[in-house]
Amino acid sequence: MKLAAYLIWPLALIIYLRASYMAMGRAKWRFFPADTFKLGQLVSTLVFVALLVLAILSKLNLLVYLAIINLIYTFLFYLQPTPRTTNSIAKIFILTNLLFALLIIFLR
């Protein structure tokens, strides 16, 4: 289950960033005609919840904290999806996940 948690994390990152870039108007193409950033928000939220459950069951404390923080960022992204706010939240999101990736690598 630990491996599944570590494999779900990059998937959730990609989905969240794709939705962010769609909200900012920087996405060049869509996967299908009805693809919107709201759908990306919903899917990334569900994947982060799945990551949280897997991390709790696997007793991976850093991933539990990361999943909770990422759910907060997803909530903030849902509240105000303007390009400027989304850009700021996306930068903070990337930095936070990079910091946790380094912590996971070095504390392992």
Protein backbone atom coordinates (compact mmCIF):
# COMPACT_ATOMS: atom_id res chain seq x y z
CA MET A 1 0.00 0.00 0.00
CA LYS A 2 2.94 2.31 0.56
CA LEU A 3 3.95 1.94 -3.07
CA ALA A 4 0.41 2.78 -4.20
CA ALA A 5 0.46 5.95 -2.09
CA TYR A 6 3.76 7.02 -3.62
CA LEU A 7 2.42 6.31 -7.13
CA ILE A 8 -0.85 8.20 -6.59
CA TRP A 9 0.95 11.34 -5.44
CA PRO A 10 2.48 12.29 -8.85
CA LEU A 11 -0.82 11.51 -10.55
CA ALA A 12 -2.61 13.92 -8.23
CA LEU A 13 0.06 16.57 -8.86
CA ILE A 14 -0.32 16.32 -12.62
CA ILE A 15 -4.12 16.51 -12.47
CA TYR A 16 -4.05 19.52 -10.12
CA LEU A 17 -1.48 21.40 -12.21
CA ARG A 18 -3.40 20.64 -15.41
CA ALA A 19 -6.57 22.09 -13.85
CA SER A 20 -4.61 25.13 -12.64
CA TYR A 21 -3.19 25.82 -16.07
CA MET A 22 -6.64 25.44 -17.60
CA ALA A 23 -8.02 27.99 -15.11
CA MET A 24 -5.20 30.40 -15.99
CA GLY A 25 -5.85 29.92 -19.71
CA ARG A 26 -2.42 28.41 -20.40
CA ALA A 27 -3.55 24.93 -21.45
CA LYS A 28 -3.05 24.44 -25.20
CA TRP A 29 -5.46 21.53 -25.72
CA ARG A 30 -8.19 19.55 -24.03
CA PHE A 31 -8.45 15.80 -23.56
CA PHE A 32 -12.08 15.85 -24.67
CA PRO A 33 -14.56 18.64 -25.56
CA ALA A 34 -16.18 18.86 -22.10
CA ASP A 35 -12.81 19.03 -20.28
CA THR A 36 -12.85 21.99 -17.87
CA PHE A 37 -10.80 23.08 -14.89
CA LYS A 38 -13.77 22.35 -12.60
CA LEU A 39 -13.59 18.70 -13.63
CA GLY A 40 -9.85 18.75 -12.93
CA GLN A 41 -10.52 20.21 -9.48
CA LEU A 42 -13.01 17.50 -8.69
CA VAL A 43 -10.77 14.67 -9.90
CA SER A 44 -7.70 16.05 -8.08
CA THR A 45 -9.74 16.38 -4.88
CA LEU A 46 -10.87 12.77 -5.14
CA VAL A 47 -7.30 11.60 -5.78
CA PHE A 48 -5.99 13.62 -2.82
CA VAL A 49 -8.68 12.07 -0.60
CA ALA A 50 -7.63 8.62 -1.84
CA LEU A 51 -4.01 9.55 -1.09
CA LEU A 52 -5.01 10.66 2.41
CA VAL A 53 -6.81 7.37 3.09
CA LEU A 54 -3.90 5.31 1.75
CA ALA A 55 -1.38 7.33 3.76
CA ILE A 56 -3.40 6.88 6.95
CA LEU A 57 -3.74 3.15 6.36
CA SER A 58 -0.02 2.84 5.53
CA LYS A 59 0.98 5.03 8.51
CA LEU A 60 2.98 7.43 6.32
CA ASN A 61 2.84 10.59 8.44
CA LEU A 62 4.49 12.92 5.92
CA LEU A 63 2.06 11.89 3.19
CA VAL A 64 -0.87 12.39 5.56
CA TYR A 65 0.24 15.96 6.24
CA LEU A 66 0.93 16.55 2.55
CA ALA A 67 -2.48 15.23 1.51
CA ILE A 68 -4.20 17.50 4.03
CA ILE A 69 -2.22 20.52 2.84
CA ASN A 70 -2.97 19.67 -0.79
CA LEU A 71 -6.67 19.37 0.00
CA ILE A 72 -6.52 22.86 1.54
CA TYR A 73 -4.85 24.18 -1.64
CA THR A 74 -7.53 22.49 -3.73
CA PHE A 75 -10.19 24.15 -1.58
CA LEU A 76 -8.51 27.55 -2.04
CA PHE A 77 -8.32 26.94 -5.78
CA TYR A 78 -12.03 26.09 -5.77
CA LEU A 79 -12.96 29.29 -3.91
CA GLN A 80 -11.27 31.76 -6.24
CA PRO A 81 -10.21 30.45 -9.64
CA THR A 82 -9.03 33.76 -11.07
CA PRO A 83 -5.78 33.61 -13.09
CA ARG A 84 -3.75 35.69 -10.61
CA THR A 85 -4.89 33.78 -7.53
CA THR A 86 -4.56 30.44 -9.29
CA ASN A 87 -1.01 31.32 -10.33
CA SER A 88 -0.06 32.17 -6.73
CA ILE A 89 -1.67 29.02 -5.33
CA ALA A 90 -0.01 26.88 -8.03
CA LYS A 91 3.43 28.26 -7.15
CA ILE A 92 2.89 27.61 -3.44
CA PHE A 93 1.52 24.15 -4.30
CA ILE A 94 4.63 23.27 -6.33
CA LEU A 95 6.99 24.54 -3.62
CA THR A 96 5.18 22.66 -0.87
CA ASN A 97 5.18 19.39 -2.80
CA LEU A 98 8.84 19.83 -3.70
CA LEU A 99 9.68 20.44 -0.03
CA PHE A 100 7.77 17.32 1.04
CA ALA A 101 9.44 15.28 -1.73
CA LEU A 102 12.84 16.32 -0.41
CA LEU A 103 11.78 15.53 3.16
CA ILE A 104 10.54 12.10 2.13
CA ILE A 105 13.76 11.36 0.24
CA PHE A 106 16.13 12.55 2.96
CA LEU A 107 14.21 11.27 6.00
CA ARG A 108 13.71 7.82 4.59
